[in-house]
């Protein structure tokens, strides 16, 4: 009985464990090539064009979950580059690195776009910390996250036990919890949007008309879409002087100067 319990526990732990992104990129890439995966990416692309900050920033960094550049768009940046977790075949990434340890100096990127990079990483806290570290003051962090409170999020729990696809094994994080994480990193949320309301097991084509659930969700802006996007801005605290900004003079005691070769004579007793 004890061996059966240990075997069952090991089985369920393995089903719920999030594997390294380098080992799941092939499975994730194949899922995003399905009809629903393409539909999801299309909705995410449309939502990003609405919420992406409209500013002429210099650098933009994109962190994705596959070696292919799934979302395209310069978003009014002079220079944009992408980093992948591994170098796969026909990769469109400009560099390869661990998302929880980015080889970039601090405060060098104006906009950081995380396309599901947080929930499919083994250390989601470290990924957010690194993204906030390389972000410049007043820079923007854009996160595209799978919504656990949705048809897609509810399907995850039975699907991860019955299916071996990597798409169902990821870290779930509610919208309000993510906002708390961002505030701890001095990133203030400024925009949020949700999308993709159909059931995840529907055989959708990107050229099909949207169904009833998609129309209702877009019309009333319901919060339980398959994904949600949060745009946050980084703020750095600066010291605030209480008095006038002029330097005040400090009184220094003056010591009388002593000649270098001066000799102090001590009078001898009996000498006049």
C-alpha atoms as a PDB file:
ATOM      1  CA  UNK A   1       0.000   0.000   0.000  1.00  0.00           C
ATOM      2  CA  UNK A   2       2.827   2.373   0.842  1.00  0.00           C
ATOM      3  CA  UNK A   3       4.562   1.708  -2.453  1.00  0.00           C
ATOM      4  CA  UNK A   4       1.308   2.337  -4.311  1.00  0.00           C
ATOM      5  CA  UNK A   5       0.836   5.645  -2.494  1.00  0.00           C
ATOM      6  CA  UNK A   6       4.381   6.737  -3.302  1.00  0.00           C
ATOM      7  CA  UNK A   7       3.979   5.759  -6.947  1.00  0.00           C
ATOM      8  CA  UNK A   8       0.688   7.668  -7.206  1.00  0.00           C
ATOM      9  CA  UNK A   9       2.209  10.707  -5.565  1.00  0.00           C
ATOM     10  CA  UNK A  10       5.204  10.637  -7.915  1.00  0.00           C
ATOM     11  CA  UNK A  11       2.844  10.337 -10.898  1.00  0.00           C
ATOM     12  CA  UNK A  12       0.733  13.354  -9.927  1.00  0.00           C
ATOM     13  CA  UNK A  13       3.805  15.411  -8.995  1.00  0.00           C
ATOM     14  CA  UNK A  14       5.254  14.722 -12.415  1.00  0.00           C
ATOM     15  CA  UNK A  15       2.029  15.782 -14.110  1.00  0.00           C
ATOM     16  CA  UNK A  16       1.909  19.066 -12.193  1.00  0.00           C
ATOM     17  CA  UNK A  17       5.626  19.877 -12.424  1.00  0.00           C
ATOM     18  CA  UNK A  18       6.601  22.605 -14.873  1.00  0.00           C
ATOM     19  CA  UNK A  19       9.512  21.402 -16.991  1.00  0.00           C
ATOM     20  CA  UNK A  20      12.350  23.643 -18.212  1.00  0.00           C
ATOM     21  CA  UNK A  21      11.414  25.751 -21.184  1.00  0.00           C
ATOM     22  CA  UNK A  22      14.255  24.298 -23.211  1.00  0.00           C
ATOM     23  CA  UNK A  23      12.591  20.871 -22.990  1.00  0.00           C
ATOM     24  CA  UNK A  24       9.046  22.006 -23.837  1.00  0.00           C
ATOM     25  CA  UNK A  25       9.581  24.439 -26.702  1.00  0.00           C
ATOM     26  CA  UNK A  26       8.994  21.827 -29.422  1.00  0.00           C
ATOM     27  CA  UNK A  27       5.682  20.760 -27.861  1.00  0.00           C
ATOM     28  CA  UNK A  28       4.578  24.371 -27.345  1.00  0.00           C
ATOM     29  CA  UNK A  29       5.479  25.305 -30.899  1.00  0.00           C
ATOM     30  CA  UNK A  30       3.441  22.430 -32.313  1.00  0.00           C
ATOM     31  CA  UNK A  31       0.422  23.418 -30.192  1.00  0.00           C
ATOM     32  CA  UNK A  32       0.575  27.057 -31.306  1.00  0.00           C
ATOM     33  CA  UNK A  33       0.435  25.806 -34.903  1.00  0.00           C
ATOM     34  CA  UNK A  34      -3.014  24.279 -34.314  1.00  0.00           C
ATOM     35  CA  UNK A  35      -6.231  26.075 -35.226  1.00  0.00           C
ATOM     36  CA  UNK A  36      -6.933  27.221 -31.680  1.00  0.00           C
ATOM     37  CA  UNK A  37      -3.288  28.180 -31.135  1.00  0.00           C
ATOM     38  CA  UNK A  38      -3.308  30.373 -34.236  1.00  0.00           C
ATOM     39  CA  UNK A  39      -6.637  31.852 -33.169  1.00  0.00           C
ATOM     40  CA  UNK A  40      -5.218  32.649 -29.743  1.00  0.00           C
ATOM     41  CA  UNK A  41      -2.139  34.341 -31.231  1.00  0.00           C
ATOM     42  CA  UNK A  42      -4.278  36.370 -33.577  1.00  0.00           C
ATOM     43  CA  UNK A  43      -6.388  37.681 -30.699  1.00  0.00           C
ATOM     44  CA  UNK A  44      -3.263  38.490 -28.687  1.00  0.00           C
ATOM     45  CA  UNK A  45      -1.794  40.395 -31.631  1.00  0.00           C
ATOM     46  CA  UNK A  46      -4.969  42.466 -32.016  1.00  0.00           C
ATOM     47  CA  UNK A  47      -5.073  43.230 -28.284  1.00  0.00           C
ATOM     48  CA  UNK A  48      -1.403  44.281 -28.232  1.00  0.00           C
ATOM     49  CA  UNK A  49      -1.969  46.848 -30.960  1.00  0.00           C
ATOM     50  CA  UNK A  50      -4.591  48.460 -28.700  1.00  0.00           C
ATOM     51  CA  UNK A  51      -2.754  48.530 -25.384  1.00  0.00           C
ATOM     52  CA  UNK A  52       0.888  48.859 -26.430  1.00  0.00           C
ATOM     53  CA  UNK A  53       2.289  52.210 -25.201  1.00  0.00           C
ATOM     54  CA  UNK A  54       2.399  54.793 -28.004  1.00  0.00           C
ATOM     55  CA  UNK A  55       5.832  56.285 -27.565  1.00  0.00           C
ATOM     56  CA  UNK A  56       8.998  56.594 -29.592  1.00  0.00           C
ATOM     57  CA  UNK A  57      11.200  54.529 -27.292  1.00  0.00           C
ATOM     58  CA  UNK A  58      14.610  53.212 -28.249  1.00  0.00           C
ATOM     59  CA  UNK A  59      14.879  49.506 -27.333  1.00  0.00           C
ATOM     60  CA  UNK A  60      12.287  46.757 -27.041  1.00  0.00           C
ATOM     61  CA  UNK A  61      13.011  43.201 -25.830  1.00  0.00           C
ATOM     62  CA  UNK A  62      10.730  40.250 -26.574  1.00  0.00           C
ATOM     63  CA  UNK A  63      10.790  37.052 -24.493  1.00  0.00           C
ATOM     64  CA  UNK A  64       8.755  34.210 -26.021  1.00  0.00           C
ATOM     65  CA  UNK A  65       8.154  30.530 -25.345  1.00  0.00           C
ATOM     66  CA  UNK A  66       9.246  29.089 -28.709  1.00  0.00           C
ATOM     67  CA  UNK A  67      12.302  29.659 -30.898  1.00  0.00           C
ATOM     68  CA  UNK A  68      10.048  31.244 -33.502  1.00  0.00           C
ATOM     69  CA  UNK A  69       8.946  34.864 -33.459  1.00  0.00           C
ATOM     70  CA  UNK A  70       5.217  34.338 -33.030  1.00  0.00           C
ATOM     71  CA  UNK A  71       4.142  37.960 -32.687  1.00  0.00           C
ATOM     72  CA  UNK A  72       5.479  40.570 -35.080  1.00  0.00           C
ATOM     73  CA  UNK A  73       5.388  44.341 -34.862  1.00  0.00           C
ATOM     74  CA  UNK A  74       7.862  47.102 -34.134  1.00  0.00           C
ATOM     75  CA  UNK A  75       5.453  49.102 -31.940  1.00  0.00           C
ATOM     76  CA  UNK A  76       7.192  52.412 -32.671  1.00  0.00           C
ATOM     77  CA  UNK A  77      10.624  51.412 -31.343  1.00  0.00           C
ATOM     78  CA  UNK A  78      13.916  52.243 -32.979  1.00  0.00           C
ATOM     79  CA  UNK A  79      15.419  48.846 -32.156  1.00  0.00           C
ATOM     80  CA  UNK A  80      13.742  45.579 -31.150  1.00  0.00           C
ATOM     81  CA  UNK A  81      15.267  42.183 -30.465  1.00  0.00           C
ATOM     82  CA  UNK A  82      14.101  38.799 -29.186  1.00  0.00           C
ATOM     83  CA  UNK A  83      15.670  36.319 -26.769  1.00  0.00           C
ATOM     84  CA  UNK A  84      14.862  32.607 -26.790  1.00  0.00           C
ATOM     85  CA  UNK A  85      15.431  29.892 -24.219  1.00  0.00           C
ATOM     86  CA  UNK A  86      17.102  27.589 -26.770  1.00  0.00           C
ATOM     87  CA  UNK A  87      18.300  27.719 -30.340  1.00  0.00           C
ATOM     88  CA  UNK A  88      15.934  25.494 -32.315  1.00  0.00           C
ATOM     89  CA  UNK A  89      15.712  24.832 -36.004  1.00  0.00           C
ATOM     90  CA  UNK A  90      14.800  27.854 -38.127  1.00  0.00           C
ATOM     91  CA  UNK A  91      14.937  30.056 -35.069  1.00  0.00           C
ATOM     92  CA  UNK A  92      14.026  33.717 -35.398  1.00  0.00           C
ATOM     93  CA  UNK A  93      15.530  34.708 -32.034  1.00  0.00           C
ATOM     94  CA  UNK A  94      18.428  37.137 -31.926  1.00  0.00           C
ATOM     95  CA  UNK A  95      20.005  35.604 -28.810  1.00  0.00           C
ATOM     96  CA  UNK A  96      19.677  32.663 -26.426  1.00  0.00           C
ATOM     97  CA  UNK A  97      19.714  33.025 -22.638  1.00  0.00           C
ATOM     98  CA  UNK A  98      18.002  31.974 -19.429  1.00  0.00           C
ATOM     99  CA  UNK A  99      15.036  34.204 -18.693  1.00  0.00           C
ATOM    100  CA  UNK A 100      15.767  34.162 -14.975  1.00  0.00           C
ATOM    101  CA  UNK A 101      19.345  35.399 -15.584  1.00  0.00           C
ATOM    102  CA  UNK A 102      19.443  37.805 -18.519  1.00  0.00           C
ATOM    103  CA  UNK A 103      22.951  38.788 -19.730  1.00  0.00           C
ATOM    104  CA  UNK A 104      22.035  42.473 -19.972  1.00  0.00           C
ATOM    105  CA  UNK A 105      23.063  45.515 -17.911  1.00  0.00           C
ATOM    106  CA  UNK A 106      20.490  47.033 -15.594  1.00  0.00           C
ATOM    107  CA  UNK A 107      18.163  49.761 -16.883  1.00  0.00           C
ATOM    108  CA  UNK A 108      18.975  49.379 -20.581  1.00  0.00           C
ATOM    109  CA  UNK A 109      15.644  48.356 -22.196  1.00  0.00           C
ATOM    110  CA  UNK A 110      12.701  50.736 -22.655  1.00  0.00           C
ATOM    111  CA  UNK A 111       9.978  48.113 -23.243  1.00  0.00           C
ATOM    112  CA  UNK A 112       9.910  44.434 -22.213  1.00  0.00           C
ATOM    113  CA  UNK A 113       7.329  42.155 -23.841  1.00  0.00           C
ATOM    114  CA  UNK A 114       6.811  38.808 -22.095  1.00  0.00           C
ATOM    115  CA  UNK A 115       4.756  36.495 -24.305  1.00  0.00           C
ATOM    116  CA  UNK A 116       3.790  33.679 -21.876  1.00  0.00           C
ATOM    117  CA  UNK A 117       7.430  33.601 -20.742  1.00  0.00           C
ATOM    118  CA  UNK A 118       6.505  33.873 -17.071  1.00  0.00           C
ATOM    119  CA  UNK A 119       4.029  31.008 -16.728  1.00  0.00           C
ATOM    120  CA  UNK A 120       6.098  28.463 -18.717  1.00  0.00           C
ATOM    121  CA  UNK A 121       9.331  29.136 -16.801  1.00  0.00           C
ATOM    122  CA  UNK A 122      10.348  27.116 -13.772  1.00  0.00           C
ATOM    123  CA  UNK A 123      11.094  30.270 -11.763  1.00  0.00           C
ATOM    124  CA  UNK A 124       8.393  32.846 -12.591  1.00  0.00           C
ATOM    125  CA  UNK A 125       9.418  35.201  -9.783  1.00  0.00           C
ATOM    126  CA  UNK A 126      12.977  35.416 -11.089  1.00  0.00           C
ATOM    127  CA  UNK A 127      11.752  36.075 -14.631  1.00  0.00           C
ATOM    128  CA  UNK A 128       9.754  39.096 -13.467  1.00  0.00           C
ATOM    129  CA  UNK A 129      12.658  40.343 -11.337  1.00  0.00           C
ATOM    130  CA  UNK A 130      15.042  40.159 -14.294  1.00  0.00           C
ATOM    131  CA  UNK A 131      12.560  41.915 -16.566  1.00  0.00           C
ATOM    132  CA  UNK A 132      12.170  44.717 -14.019  1.00  0.00           C
ATOM    133  CA  UNK A 133      15.942  44.937 -13.543  1.00  0.00           C
ATOM    134  CA  UNK A 134      16.789  45.534 -17.202  1.00  0.00           C
ATOM    135  CA  UNK A 135      13.879  47.970 -17.595  1.00  0.00           C
ATOM    136  CA  UNK A 136      14.743  51.661 -17.646  1.00  0.00           C
ATOM    137  CA  UNK A 137      13.029  54.064 -15.220  1.00  0.00           C
ATOM    138  CA  UNK A 138       9.618  55.025 -16.651  1.00  0.00           C
ATOM    139  CA  UNK A 139       9.930  52.067 -19.054  1.00  0.00           C
ATOM    140  CA  UNK A 140       7.022  49.713 -19.782  1.00  0.00           C
ATOM    141  CA  UNK A 141       6.580  46.010 -19.107  1.00  0.00           C
ATOM    142  CA  UNK A 142       3.935  44.229 -21.203  1.00  0.00           C
ATOM    143  CA  UNK A 143       2.854  40.762 -20.053  1.00  0.00           C
ATOM    144  CA  UNK A 144       0.695  38.377 -22.089  1.00  0.00           C
ATOM    145  CA  UNK A 145      -0.528  35.752 -19.597  1.00  0.00           C
ATOM    146  CA  UNK A 146      -2.862  32.753 -19.785  1.00  0.00           C
ATOM    147  CA  UNK A 147      -5.899  33.411 -17.635  1.00  0.00           C
ATOM    148  CA  UNK A 148      -6.627  30.683 -15.028  1.00  0.00           C
ATOM    149  CA  UNK A 149     -10.200  31.978 -14.557  1.00  0.00           C
ATOM    150  CA  UNK A 150     -11.412  31.107 -18.065  1.00  0.00           C
ATOM    151  CA  UNK A 151     -12.579  28.151 -20.138  1.00  0.00           C
ATOM    152  CA  UNK A 152      -8.947  27.583 -21.091  1.00  0.00           C
ATOM    153  CA  UNK A 153      -7.748  27.828 -17.495  1.00  0.00           C
ATOM    154  CA  UNK A 154     -10.384  25.409 -16.196  1.00  0.00           C
ATOM    155  CA  UNK A 155      -9.551  22.912 -18.943  1.00  0.00           C
ATOM    156  CA  UNK A 156      -5.947  22.902 -17.792  1.00  0.00           C
ATOM    157  CA  UNK A 157      -6.557  20.801 -14.652  1.00  0.00           C
ATOM    158  CA  UNK A 158      -8.074  17.661 -16.223  1.00  0.00           C
ATOM    159  CA  UNK A 159      -6.035  18.062 -19.416  1.00  0.00           C
ATOM    160  CA  UNK A 160      -2.679  18.023 -17.621  1.00  0.00           C
ATOM    161  CA  UNK A 161      -3.551  14.614 -16.156  1.00  0.00           C
ATOM    162  CA  UNK A 162      -4.773  13.090 -19.423  1.00  0.00           C
ATOM    163  CA  UNK A 163      -2.511  14.794 -21.955  1.00  0.00           C
ATOM    164  CA  UNK A 164       1.257  15.007 -22.309  1.00  0.00           C
ATOM    165  CA  UNK A 165       1.232  18.356 -24.128  1.00  0.00           C
ATOM    166  CA  UNK A 166       3.341  21.046 -22.476  1.00  0.00           C
ATOM    167  CA  UNK A 167       0.680  23.720 -22.994  1.00  0.00           C
ATOM    168  CA  UNK A 168      -1.288  22.381 -20.000  1.00  0.00           C
ATOM    169  CA  UNK A 169       1.686  22.427 -17.610  1.00  0.00           C
ATOM    170  CA  UNK A 170       2.305  26.015 -16.609  1.00  0.00           C
ATOM    171  CA  UNK A 171       2.104  28.324 -13.597  1.00  0.00           C
ATOM    172  CA  UNK A 172      -1.321  29.864 -13.116  1.00  0.00           C
ATOM    173  CA  UNK A 173      -1.541  33.387 -11.778  1.00  0.00           C
ATOM    174  CA  UNK A 174      -4.666  35.439 -11.321  1.00  0.00           C
ATOM    175  CA  UNK A 175      -4.822  39.014 -12.523  1.00  0.00           C
ATOM    176  CA  UNK A 176      -4.876  40.615  -9.076  1.00  0.00           C
ATOM    177  CA  UNK A 177      -2.013  38.445  -7.857  1.00  0.00           C
ATOM    178  CA  UNK A 178       0.101  39.506 -10.814  1.00  0.00           C
ATOM    179  CA  UNK A 179      -0.612  43.149 -10.030  1.00  0.00           C
ATOM    180  CA  UNK A 180       0.708  42.587  -6.484  1.00  0.00           C
ATOM    181  CA  UNK A 181       3.901  41.062  -7.886  1.00  0.00           C
ATOM    182  CA  UNK A 182       4.408  44.037 -10.195  1.00  0.00           C
ATOM    183  CA  UNK A 183       3.901  46.588  -7.426  1.00  0.00           C
ATOM    184  CA  UNK A 184       6.571  44.869  -5.339  1.00  0.00           C
ATOM    185  CA  UNK A 185       8.943  45.456  -8.270  1.00  0.00           C
ATOM    186  CA  UNK A 186       8.034  49.189  -8.443  1.00  0.00           C
ATOM    187  CA  UNK A 187       5.981  48.622 -11.608  1.00  0.00           C
ATOM    188  CA  UNK A 188       2.604  50.346 -11.570  1.00  0.00           C
ATOM    189  CA  UNK A 189      -0.112  48.756 -13.800  1.00  0.00           C
ATOM    190  CA  UNK A 190      -1.686  51.268 -16.173  1.00  0.00           C
ATOM    191  CA  UNK A 191      -3.646  49.135 -18.702  1.00  0.00           C
ATOM    192  CA  UNK A 192      -5.261  45.692 -18.851  1.00  0.00           C
ATOM    193  CA  UNK A 193      -7.348  43.799 -21.405  1.00  0.00           C
ATOM    194  CA  UNK A 194      -8.689  40.255 -21.857  1.00  0.00           C
ATOM    195  CA  UNK A 195      -9.607  38.233 -24.955  1.00  0.00           C
ATOM    196  CA  UNK A 196     -10.238  34.874 -26.690  1.00  0.00           C
ATOM    197  CA  UNK A 197     -13.472  33.559 -25.171  1.00  0.00           C
ATOM    198  CA  UNK A 198     -14.329  30.361 -27.157  1.00  0.00           C
ATOM    199  CA  UNK A 199     -13.812  26.905 -25.682  1.00  0.00           C
ATOM    200  CA  UNK A 200     -10.225  25.641 -26.086  1.00  0.00           C
ATOM    201  CA  UNK A 201     -11.222  22.313 -27.675  1.00  0.00           C
ATOM    202  CA  UNK A 202     -13.151  23.885 -30.535  1.00  0.00           C
ATOM    203  CA  UNK A 203     -11.641  23.358 -33.980  1.00  0.00           C
ATOM    204  CA  UNK A 204     -11.328  26.992 -34.942  1.00  0.00           C
ATOM    205  CA  UNK A 205      -9.854  28.496 -38.073  1.00  0.00           C
ATOM    206  CA  UNK A 206      -8.474  32.014 -38.102  1.00  0.00           C
ATOM    207  CA  UNK A 207     -10.731  32.942 -41.044  1.00  0.00           C
ATOM    208  CA  UNK A 208     -13.918  31.704 -39.364  1.00  0.00           C
ATOM    209  CA  UNK A 209     -16.431  34.103 -37.895  1.00  0.00           C
ATOM    210  CA  UNK A 210     -16.282  34.483 -34.154  1.00  0.00           C
ATOM    211  CA  UNK A 211     -18.818  32.522 -32.173  1.00  0.00           C
ATOM    212  CA  UNK A 212     -21.416  33.622 -29.703  1.00  0.00           C
ATOM    213  CA  UNK A 213     -19.054  33.575 -26.710  1.00  0.00           C
ATOM    214  CA  UNK A 214     -16.471  35.723 -28.495  1.00  0.00           C
ATOM    215  CA  UNK A 215     -19.053  38.322 -29.495  1.00  0.00           C
ATOM    216  CA  UNK A 216     -20.481  38.553 -25.975  1.00  0.00           C
ATOM    217  CA  UNK A 217     -17.019  38.755 -24.401  1.00  0.00           C
ATOM    218  CA  UNK A 218     -15.828  41.528 -26.685  1.00  0.00           C
ATOM    219  CA  UNK A 219     -19.068  43.480 -26.376  1.00  0.00           C
ATOM    220  CA  UNK A 220     -19.193  43.516 -22.572  1.00  0.00           C
ATOM    221  CA  UNK A 221     -15.407  43.245 -22.009  1.00  0.00           C
ATOM    222  CA  UNK A 222     -15.699  40.207 -19.796  1.00  0.00           C
ATOM    223  CA  UNK A 223     -12.636  39.368 -17.645  1.00  0.00           C
ATOM    224  CA  UNK A 224     -12.555  35.592 -18.297  1.00  0.00           C
ATOM    225  CA  UNK A 225     -10.868  35.407 -21.666  1.00  0.00           C
ATOM    226  CA  UNK A 226      -8.216  32.769 -22.362  1.00  0.00           C
ATOM    227  CA  UNK A 227      -5.520  35.416 -21.971  1.00  0.00           C
ATOM    228  CA  UNK A 228      -5.083  38.806 -20.383  1.00  0.00           C
ATOM    229  CA  UNK A 229      -2.539  41.525 -21.049  1.00  0.00           C
ATOM    230  CA  UNK A 230      -1.144  43.869 -18.406  1.00  0.00           C
ATOM    231  CA  UNK A 231       0.893  46.980 -19.186  1.00  0.00           C
ATOM    232  CA  UNK A 232       2.913  48.325 -16.243  1.00  0.00           C
ATOM    233  CA  UNK A 233       5.271  51.272 -15.910  1.00  0.00           C
ATOM    234  CA  UNK A 234       8.416  51.221 -13.816  1.00  0.00           C
ATOM    235  CA  UNK A 235       8.897  53.938 -11.234  1.00  0.00           C
ATOM    236  CA  UNK A 236      12.109  54.589  -9.325  1.00  0.00           C
ATOM    237  CA  UNK A 237      11.975  56.484  -6.045  1.00  0.00           C
ATOM    238  CA  UNK A 238      14.110  59.626  -5.898  1.00  0.00           C
ATOM    239  CA  UNK A 239      15.158  61.519  -2.738  1.00  0.00           C
ATOM    240  CA  UNK A 240      13.144  64.670  -2.018  1.00  0.00           C
ATOM    241  CA  UNK A 241      15.058  67.466  -0.244  1.00  0.00           C
ATOM    242  CA  UNK A 242      13.136  69.075   2.615  1.00  0.00           C
ATOM    243  CA  UNK A 243      15.025  72.379   2.752  1.00  0.00           C
ATOM    244  CA  UNK A 244      16.729  74.654   0.235  1.00  0.00           C
ATOM    245  CA  UNK A 245      18.963  72.881  -2.248  1.00  0.00           C
ATOM    246  CA  UNK A 246      21.962  75.173  -1.586  1.00  0.00           C
ATOM    247  CA  UNK A 247      24.791  73.668   0.419  1.00  0.00           C
ATOM    248  CA  UNK A 248      25.152  75.126   3.859  1.00  0.00           C
ATOM    249  CA  UNK A 249      28.579  76.119   5.116  1.00  0.00           C
ATOM    250  CA  UNK A 250      29.939  74.091   7.993  1.00  0.00           C
ATOM    251  CA  UNK A 251      31.759  75.895  10.779  1.00  0.00           C
ATOM    252  CA  UNK A 252      35.297  74.509  11.136  1.00  0.00           C
ATOM    253  CA  UNK A 253      37.407  75.541  14.168  1.00  0.00           C
ATOM    254  CA  UNK A 254      40.561  77.437  13.199  1.00  0.00           C
ATOM    255  CA  UNK A 255      43.830  76.148  14.691  1.00  0.00           C
ATOM    256  CA  UNK A 256      46.688  78.644  14.949  1.00  0.00           C
ATOM    257  CA  UNK A 257      49.565  77.839  12.664  1.00  0.00           C
ATOM    258  CA  UNK A 258      52.871  76.680  14.106  1.00  0.00           C
ATOM    259  CA  UNK A 259      56.191  77.341  12.408  1.00  0.00           C
ATOM    260  CA  UNK A 260      57.909  74.224  11.213  1.00  0.00           C
ATOM    261  CA  UNK A 261      61.386  74.965  12.635  1.00  0.00           C
ATOM    262  CA  UNK A 262      60.285  76.829  15.713  1.00  0.00           C
ATOM    263  CA  UNK A 263      61.790  75.645  18.993  1.00  0.00           C
ATOM    264  CA  UNK A 264      60.064  76.187  22.257  1.00  0.00           C
ATOM    265  CA  UNK A 265      62.610  77.024  24.931  1.00  0.00           C
ATOM    266  CA  UNK A 266      62.003  75.955  28.476  1.00  0.00           C
ATOM    267  CA  UNK A 267      63.470  78.269  31.107  1.00  0.00           C
ATOM    268  CA  UNK A 268      66.113  76.742  33.398  1.00  0.00           C
ATOM    269  CA  UNK A 269      65.813  77.282  37.074  1.00  0.00           C
ATOM    270  CA  UNK A 270      68.113  80.078  38.245  1.00  0.00           C
ATOM    271  CA  UNK A 271      68.442  81.605  34.769  1.00  0.00           C
ATOM    272  CA  UNK A 272      67.305  85.114  34.354  1.00  0.00           C
END
